[in-house]
Amino acid sequence: MAETYFIENVEALWPKIDRTYVFDQKVKNSVPCDPRDNGASFSIQFRMDSDTAKALFSQMKAAWLANREKSWPEKLTLEASSLVNDDDGTFKGTSNIKGAYSGKVTEKPVELDSQGNSLPDDFELTTGSTINIAVTFVPYHMSKDNWGVSLRLQAVQVIKYVTRPVRNPFGKVEGGYVVEVNEAEETAKKAFQSNNVLEETATDDMFEDEPV
């Protein structure tokens, strides 16, 4: 069994690991799909600093050499590794796993919190969250233009979670009503107190006719 490698403290980018997705050419976007559909996969991109990228690339090169066949290129290149050097000095990487292999559905990648607790099955990771990723290296050579080392996704640990922003379809209206923080808190407090009064009344009524 391939050894697991941990990519630590990286930024999650466009995670699609709550279920399988496939890229739809008609809408030019990834859409949910059945695990056995052609192209179905769990996937995540991530941003890392240069030191993390160098360490990862070094391990990928070692995996290539350890599994290289005679007809394959001698060395793994950065271009074939799928690691992308951004202008700001950071690197982007991609890790994925197919929805099914030989017709057998793949188990969903494990998702854990910072303490190692399993996250709910419907948990949706967000872009910008800080994560650790567990991967295995899979060297491949399909053709002279299609070869490299893929990062097969095994598990994700969420270190810092970025809350998904509320989508607002409206623009700002000058001079309009603006809720004050204290006002919002007071409204919530009154609602809470009102609910408590209703609960207490209901409780009193329930036991009013009961024998002492």
C-alpha atoms as a PDB file:
ATOM      1  CA  MET A   1       0.000   0.000   0.000  1.00  0.00           C
ATOM      2  CA  ALA A   2       1.273   3.459  -0.937  1.00  0.00           C
ATOM      3  CA  GLU A   3       2.628   5.567   1.893  1.00  0.00           C
ATOM      4  CA  THR A   4       0.513   8.532   2.998  1.00  0.00           C
ATOM      5  CA  TYR A   5       2.009  12.017   2.718  1.00  0.00           C
ATOM      6  CA  PHE A   6       0.675  14.982   4.692  1.00  0.00           C
ATOM      7  CA  ILE A   7       0.465  18.470   3.190  1.00  0.00           C
ATOM      8  CA  GLU A   8       0.026  20.781   6.170  1.00  0.00           C
ATOM      9  CA  ASN A   9      -1.361  24.274   6.770  1.00  0.00           C
ATOM     10  CA  VAL A  10      -2.502  25.040   3.250  1.00  0.00           C
ATOM     11  CA  GLU A  11      -5.430  27.118   2.029  1.00  0.00           C
ATOM     12  CA  ALA A  12      -8.417  25.251   0.601  1.00  0.00           C
ATOM     13  CA  LEU A  13      -9.501  26.358  -2.885  1.00  0.00           C
ATOM     14  CA  TRP A  14     -12.809  25.325  -4.480  1.00  0.00           C
ATOM     15  CA  PRO A  15     -13.232  22.103  -2.480  1.00  0.00           C
ATOM     16  CA  LYS A  16     -15.604  19.541  -3.947  1.00  0.00           C
ATOM     17  CA  ILE A  17     -15.435  16.713  -1.441  1.00  0.00           C
ATOM     18  CA  ASP A  18     -18.934  16.640   0.074  1.00  0.00           C
ATOM     19  CA  ARG A  19     -19.909  14.411  -2.877  1.00  0.00           C
ATOM     20  CA  THR A  20     -18.723  13.577  -6.406  1.00  0.00           C
ATOM     21  CA  TYR A  21     -18.690  16.220  -9.122  1.00  0.00           C
ATOM     22  CA  VAL A  22     -17.984  16.329 -12.852  1.00  0.00           C
ATOM     23  CA  PHE A  23     -17.164  19.277 -15.108  1.00  0.00           C
ATOM     24  CA  ASP A  24     -20.099  20.141 -17.362  1.00  0.00           C
ATOM     25  CA  GLN A  25     -18.965  21.666 -20.655  1.00  0.00           C
ATOM     26  CA  LYS A  26     -22.394  23.207 -21.288  1.00  0.00           C
ATOM     27  CA  VAL A  27     -22.457  25.322 -18.128  1.00  0.00           C
ATOM     28  CA  LYS A  28     -18.648  25.551 -17.848  1.00  0.00           C
ATOM     29  CA  ASN A  29     -18.757  24.523 -14.224  1.00  0.00           C
ATOM     30  CA  SER A  30     -18.568  21.465 -11.980  1.00  0.00           C
ATOM     31  CA  VAL A  31     -21.899  19.882 -11.132  1.00  0.00           C
ATOM     32  CA  PRO A  32     -22.901  17.094  -8.701  1.00  0.00           C
ATOM     33  CA  CYS A  33     -23.052  13.663 -10.275  1.00  0.00           C
ATOM     34  CA  ASP A  34     -23.273   9.943  -9.610  1.00  0.00           C
ATOM     35  CA  PRO A  35     -19.961   8.381  -8.502  1.00  0.00           C
ATOM     36  CA  ARG A  36     -19.988   6.064 -11.526  1.00  0.00           C
ATOM     37  CA  ASP A  37     -20.457   8.855 -14.087  1.00  0.00           C
ATOM     38  CA  ASN A  38     -17.567   9.410 -16.485  1.00  0.00           C
ATOM     39  CA  GLY A  39     -15.184  11.939 -14.945  1.00  0.00           C
ATOM     40  CA  ALA A  40     -16.799  11.860 -11.497  1.00  0.00           C
ATOM     41  CA  SER A  41     -14.416  12.656  -8.655  1.00  0.00           C
ATOM     42  CA  PHE A  42     -13.850  14.187  -5.249  1.00  0.00           C
ATOM     43  CA  SER A  43     -11.356  17.014  -5.629  1.00  0.00           C
ATOM     44  CA  ILE A  44      -9.732  19.973  -3.931  1.00  0.00           C
ATOM     45  CA  GLN A  45      -7.247  22.606  -4.977  1.00  0.00           C
ATOM     46  CA  PHE A  46      -5.010  24.235  -2.418  1.00  0.00           C
ATOM     47  CA  ARG A  47      -2.554  27.109  -2.048  1.00  0.00           C
ATOM     48  CA  MET A  48       0.765  26.646  -0.236  1.00  0.00           C
ATOM     49  CA  ASP A  49       3.967  28.562   0.428  1.00  0.00           C
ATOM     50  CA  SER A  50       7.165  27.836  -1.469  1.00  0.00           C
ATOM     51  CA  ASP A  51       8.743  25.710   1.285  1.00  0.00           C
ATOM     52  CA  THR A  52       5.713  23.423   1.430  1.00  0.00           C
ATOM     53  CA  ALA A  53       5.691  23.174  -2.370  1.00  0.00           C
ATOM     54  CA  LYS A  54       9.405  22.320  -2.523  1.00  0.00           C
ATOM     55  CA  ALA A  55       9.003  19.555   0.063  1.00  0.00           C
ATOM     56  CA  LEU A  56       5.977  18.165  -1.776  1.00  0.00           C
ATOM     57  CA  PHE A  57       7.699  18.267  -5.167  1.00  0.00           C
ATOM     58  CA  SER A  58      10.741  16.506  -3.732  1.00  0.00           C
ATOM     59  CA  GLN A  59       8.559  13.623  -2.530  1.00  0.00           C
ATOM     60  CA  MET A  60       6.732  13.496  -5.864  1.00  0.00           C
ATOM     61  CA  LYS A  61      10.066  13.213  -7.719  1.00  0.00           C
ATOM     62  CA  ALA A  62      11.106  10.386  -5.407  1.00  0.00           C
ATOM     63  CA  ALA A  63       7.824   8.560  -6.075  1.00  0.00           C
ATOM     64  CA  TRP A  64       8.378   8.988  -9.820  1.00  0.00           C
ATOM     65  CA  LEU A  65      11.892   7.521  -9.687  1.00  0.00           C
ATOM     66  CA  ALA A  66      10.790   4.636  -7.468  1.00  0.00           C
ATOM     67  CA  ASN A  67       8.025   3.616  -9.891  1.00  0.00           C
ATOM     68  CA  ARG A  68       9.491   4.734 -13.222  1.00  0.00           C
ATOM     69  CA  GLU A  69       9.424   2.326 -16.139  1.00  0.00           C
ATOM     70  CA  LYS A  70      12.187   2.319 -18.772  1.00  0.00           C
ATOM     71  CA  SER A  71      10.082   4.070 -21.409  1.00  0.00           C
ATOM     72  CA  TRP A  72       9.130   6.912 -19.063  1.00  0.00           C
ATOM     73  CA  PRO A  73      10.994  10.228 -18.844  1.00  0.00           C
ATOM     74  CA  GLU A  74      13.941  10.096 -16.465  1.00  0.00           C
ATOM     75  CA  LYS A  75      12.844  12.910 -14.171  1.00  0.00           C
ATOM     76  CA  LEU A  76       9.585  14.466 -13.073  1.00  0.00           C
ATOM     77  CA  THR A  77       9.286  18.087 -14.162  1.00  0.00           C
ATOM     78  CA  LEU A  78       7.370  20.837 -12.355  1.00  0.00           C
ATOM     79  CA  GLU A  79       5.004  21.103 -15.337  1.00  0.00           C
ATOM     80  CA  ALA A  80       4.179  17.386 -15.136  1.00  0.00           C
ATOM     81  CA  SER A  81       3.630  17.605 -11.381  1.00  0.00           C
ATOM     82  CA  SER A  82       0.533  19.833 -11.795  1.00  0.00           C
ATOM     83  CA  LEU A  83       1.982  22.286  -9.246  1.00  0.00           C
ATOM     84  CA  VAL A  84       1.494  25.862 -10.420  1.00  0.00           C
ATOM     85  CA  ASN A  85       3.774  28.743  -9.414  1.00  0.00           C
ATOM     86  CA  ASP A  86       1.729  31.906  -8.853  1.00  0.00           C
ATOM     87  CA  ASP A  87       3.049  35.438  -9.320  1.00  0.00           C
ATOM     88  CA  ASP A  88       2.930  36.106  -5.570  1.00  0.00           C
ATOM     89  CA  GLY A  89       5.417  33.342  -4.797  1.00  0.00           C
ATOM     90  CA  THR A  90       2.856  30.801  -3.638  1.00  0.00           C
ATOM     91  CA  PHE A  91       2.000  27.548  -5.391  1.00  0.00           C
ATOM     92  CA  LYS A  92      -1.284  25.847  -6.226  1.00  0.00           C
ATOM     93  CA  GLY A  93      -1.803  22.101  -6.163  1.00  0.00           C
ATOM     94  CA  THR A  94      -4.664  19.721  -6.867  1.00  0.00           C
ATOM     95  CA  SER A  95      -5.649  16.497  -5.155  1.00  0.00           C
ATOM     96  CA  ASN A  96      -8.486  14.230  -6.229  1.00  0.00           C
ATOM     97  CA  ILE A  97      -9.821  10.711  -6.272  1.00  0.00           C
ATOM     98  CA  LYS A  98     -12.220   9.162  -8.782  1.00  0.00           C
ATOM     99  CA  GLY A  99     -15.778   8.401  -7.792  1.00  0.00           C
ATOM    100  CA  ALA A 100     -15.298   4.780  -8.816  1.00  0.00           C
ATOM    101  CA  TYR A 101     -12.539   2.455  -9.977  1.00  0.00           C
ATOM    102  CA  SER A 102     -13.450  -0.481 -12.228  1.00  0.00           C
ATOM    103  CA  GLY A 103     -17.102   0.089 -11.362  1.00  0.00           C
ATOM    104  CA  LYS A 104     -16.531  -0.039  -7.597  1.00  0.00           C
ATOM    105  CA  VAL A 105     -17.651   3.141  -5.852  1.00  0.00           C
ATOM    106  CA  THR A 106     -14.922   4.938  -3.900  1.00  0.00           C
ATOM    107  CA  GLU A 107     -15.415   5.829  -0.263  1.00  0.00           C
ATOM    108  CA  LYS A 108     -15.763   9.534   0.383  1.00  0.00           C
ATOM    109  CA  PRO A 109     -12.500  11.133   1.622  1.00  0.00           C
ATOM    110  CA  VAL A 110     -12.373  11.356   5.409  1.00  0.00           C
ATOM    111  CA  GLU A 111     -13.050  14.839   6.844  1.00  0.00           C
ATOM    112  CA  LEU A 112     -11.902  15.650  10.378  1.00  0.00           C
ATOM    113  CA  ASP A 113     -11.774  18.700  12.624  1.00  0.00           C
ATOM    114  CA  SER A 114      -8.593  19.978  14.296  1.00  0.00           C
ATOM    115  CA  GLN A 115      -8.991  17.464  17.148  1.00  0.00           C
ATOM    116  CA  GLY A 116      -9.490  14.468  14.876  1.00  0.00           C
ATOM    117  CA  ASN A 117     -13.254  14.265  15.265  1.00  0.00           C
ATOM    118  CA  SER A 118     -15.244  13.164  12.221  1.00  0.00           C
ATOM    119  CA  LEU A 119     -17.182  15.979  10.562  1.00  0.00           C
ATOM    120  CA  PRO A 120     -20.873  15.528   9.599  1.00  0.00           C
ATOM    121  CA  ASP A 121     -21.507  13.806   6.289  1.00  0.00           C
ATOM    122  CA  ASP A 122     -23.136  16.959   4.875  1.00  0.00           C
ATOM    123  CA  PHE A 123     -20.253  19.237   5.958  1.00  0.00           C
ATOM    124  CA  GLU A 124     -19.167  21.597   3.185  1.00  0.00           C
ATOM    125  CA  LEU A 125     -15.600  22.875   3.321  1.00  0.00           C
ATOM    126  CA  THR A 126     -15.096  26.457   2.139  1.00  0.00           C
ATOM    127  CA  THR A 127     -12.466  28.249   0.087  1.00  0.00           C
ATOM    128  CA  GLY A 128     -10.090  30.109   2.368  1.00  0.00           C
ATOM    129  CA  SER A 129     -10.193  27.566   5.172  1.00  0.00           C
ATOM    130  CA  THR A 130      -6.850  26.283   6.497  1.00  0.00           C
ATOM    131  CA  ILE A 131      -6.452  22.535   6.151  1.00  0.00           C
ATOM    132  CA  ASN A 132      -4.117  19.542   6.243  1.00  0.00           C
ATOM    133  CA  ILE A 133      -4.394  17.064   3.377  1.00  0.00           C
ATOM    134  CA  ALA A 134      -3.454  13.387   3.371  1.00  0.00           C
ATOM    135  CA  VAL A 135      -2.520  12.060  -0.073  1.00  0.00           C
ATOM    136  CA  THR A 136      -0.795   9.147  -1.743  1.00  0.00           C
ATOM    137  CA  PHE A 137       1.409   9.511  -4.816  1.00  0.00           C
ATOM    138  CA  VAL A 138       0.303   7.841  -8.045  1.00  0.00           C
ATOM    139  CA  PRO A 139       2.881   8.034 -10.864  1.00  0.00           C
ATOM    140  CA  TYR A 140       1.347   7.555 -14.333  1.00  0.00           C
ATOM    141  CA  HIS A 141       2.345   7.690 -17.986  1.00  0.00           C
ATOM    142  CA  MET A 142      -0.552   7.680 -20.447  1.00  0.00           C
ATOM    143  CA  SER A 143       1.343   9.248 -23.367  1.00  0.00           C
ATOM    144  CA  LYS A 144       4.278  11.551 -24.076  1.00  0.00           C
ATOM    145  CA  ASP A 145       2.025  14.520 -23.326  1.00  0.00           C
ATOM    146  CA  ASN A 146       0.102  13.012 -20.431  1.00  0.00           C
ATOM    147  CA  TRP A 147       2.276  11.861 -17.566  1.00  0.00           C
ATOM    148  CA  GLY A 148       3.242  12.841 -14.044  1.00  0.00           C
ATOM    149  CA  VAL A 149       2.409  12.106 -10.418  1.00  0.00           C
ATOM    150  CA  SER A 150      -1.133  12.624  -9.179  1.00  0.00           C
ATOM    151  CA  LEU A 151      -2.001  13.350  -5.563  1.00  0.00           C
ATOM    152  CA  ARG A 152      -4.716  10.860  -4.670  1.00  0.00           C
ATOM    153  CA  LEU A 153      -6.921  12.375  -1.985  1.00  0.00           C
ATOM    154  CA  GLN A 154      -7.329  10.360   1.208  1.00  0.00           C
ATOM    155  CA  ALA A 155      -8.408  12.741   3.970  1.00  0.00           C
ATOM    156  CA  VAL A 156      -8.769  16.392   4.942  1.00  0.00           C
ATOM    157  CA  GLN A 157      -8.346  17.926   8.397  1.00  0.00           C
ATOM    158  CA  VAL A 158      -9.883  21.356   8.950  1.00  0.00           C
ATOM    159  CA  ILE A 159      -7.642  23.575  11.086  1.00  0.00           C
ATOM    160  CA  LYS A 160      -9.427  26.908  10.591  1.00  0.00           C
ATOM    161  CA  TYR A 161     -12.889  27.107   9.050  1.00  0.00           C
ATOM    162  CA  VAL A 162     -14.002  30.161   7.100  1.00  0.00           C
ATOM    163  CA  THR A 163     -17.764  30.666   7.332  1.00  0.00           C
ATOM    164  CA  ARG A 164     -19.526  30.739   3.984  1.00  0.00           C
ATOM    165  CA  PRO A 165     -20.568  34.369   3.298  1.00  0.00           C
ATOM    166  CA  VAL A 166     -24.259  35.236   3.027  1.00  0.00           C
ATOM    167  CA  ARG A 167     -25.189  35.943  -0.573  1.00  0.00           C
ATOM    168  CA  ASN A 168     -26.705  39.405  -0.930  1.00  0.00           C
ATOM    169  CA  PRO A 169     -28.425  40.089  -4.286  1.00  0.00           C
ATOM    170  CA  PHE A 170     -28.931  43.779  -3.441  1.00  0.00           C
ATOM    171  CA  GLY A 171     -26.665  46.791  -3.659  1.00  0.00           C
ATOM    172  CA  LYS A 172     -26.340  49.520  -1.026  1.00  0.00           C
ATOM    173  CA  VAL A 173     -29.088  52.151  -0.756  1.00  0.00           C
ATOM    174  CA  GLU A 174     -27.855  55.532   0.443  1.00  0.00           C
ATOM    175  CA  GLY A 175     -29.792  56.989   3.355  1.00  0.00           C
ATOM    176  CA  GLY A 176     -31.690  53.765   3.992  1.00  0.00           C
ATOM    177  CA  TYR A 177     -32.318  51.883   7.211  1.00  0.00           C
ATOM    178  CA  VAL A 178     -29.238  50.371   8.863  1.00  0.00           C
ATOM    179  CA  VAL A 179     -29.630  47.979  11.774  1.00  0.00           C
ATOM    180  CA  GLU A 180     -27.511  48.770  14.806  1.00  0.00           C
ATOM    181  CA  VAL A 181     -25.695  45.955  16.579  1.00  0.00           C
ATOM    182  CA  ASN A 182     -27.357  46.838  19.894  1.00  0.00           C
ATOM    183  CA  GLU A 183     -30.759  46.873  18.213  1.00  0.00           C
ATOM    184  CA  ALA A 184     -30.226  43.436  16.731  1.00  0.00           C
ATOM    185  CA  GLU A 185     -29.083  42.071  20.083  1.00  0.00           C
ATOM    186  CA  GLU A 186     -32.101  43.624  21.853  1.00  0.00           C
ATOM    187  CA  THR A 187     -34.492  42.112  19.299  1.00  0.00           C
ATOM    188  CA  ALA A 188     -32.950  38.669  19.784  1.00  0.00           C
ATOM    189  CA  LYS A 189     -33.088  39.103  23.574  1.00  0.00           C
ATOM    190  CA  LYS A 190     -36.791  40.019  23.524  1.00  0.00           C
ATOM    191  CA  ALA A 191     -37.573  37.049  21.296  1.00  0.00           C
ATOM    192  CA  PHE A 192     -35.688  34.753  23.663  1.00  0.00           C
ATOM    193  CA  GLN A 193     -37.510  36.145  26.714  1.00  0.00           C
ATOM    194  CA  SER A 194     -40.858  35.845  24.942  1.00  0.00           C
ATOM    195  CA  ASN A 195     -40.191  32.198  24.135  1.00  0.00           C
ATOM    196  CA  ASN A 196     -39.276  31.535  27.766  1.00  0.00           C
ATOM    197  CA  VAL A 197     -42.562  33.105  28.988  1.00  0.00           C
ATOM    198  CA  LEU A 198     -44.548  30.951  26.573  1.00  0.00           C
ATOM    199  CA  GLU A 199     -42.713  27.830  27.712  1.00  0.00           C
ATOM    200  CA  GLU A 200     -43.266  28.626  31.395  1.00  0.00           C
ATOM    201  CA  THR A 201     -46.987  29.300  30.798  1.00  0.00           C
ATOM    202  CA  ALA A 202     -47.361  26.068  28.896  1.00  0.00           C
ATOM    203  CA  THR A 203     -45.584  24.183  31.681  1.00  0.00           C
ATOM    204  CA  ASP A 204     -47.849  25.706  34.361  1.00  0.00           C
ATOM    205  CA  ASP A 205     -50.997  24.837  32.359  1.00  0.00           C
ATOM    206  CA  MET A 206     -49.847  21.261  31.849  1.00  0.00           C
ATOM    207  CA  PHE A 207     -49.603  20.587  35.583  1.00  0.00           C
ATOM    208  CA  GLU A 208     -52.485  22.822  36.790  1.00  0.00           C
ATOM    209  CA  ASP A 209     -54.996  19.994  37.190  1.00  0.00           C
ATOM    210  CA  GLU A 210     -52.538  17.349  38.385  1.00  0.00           C
ATOM    211  CA  PRO A 211     -53.015  16.094  41.995  1.00  0.00           C
ATOM    212  CA  VAL A 212     -50.497  17.347  44.554  1.00  0.00           C
END
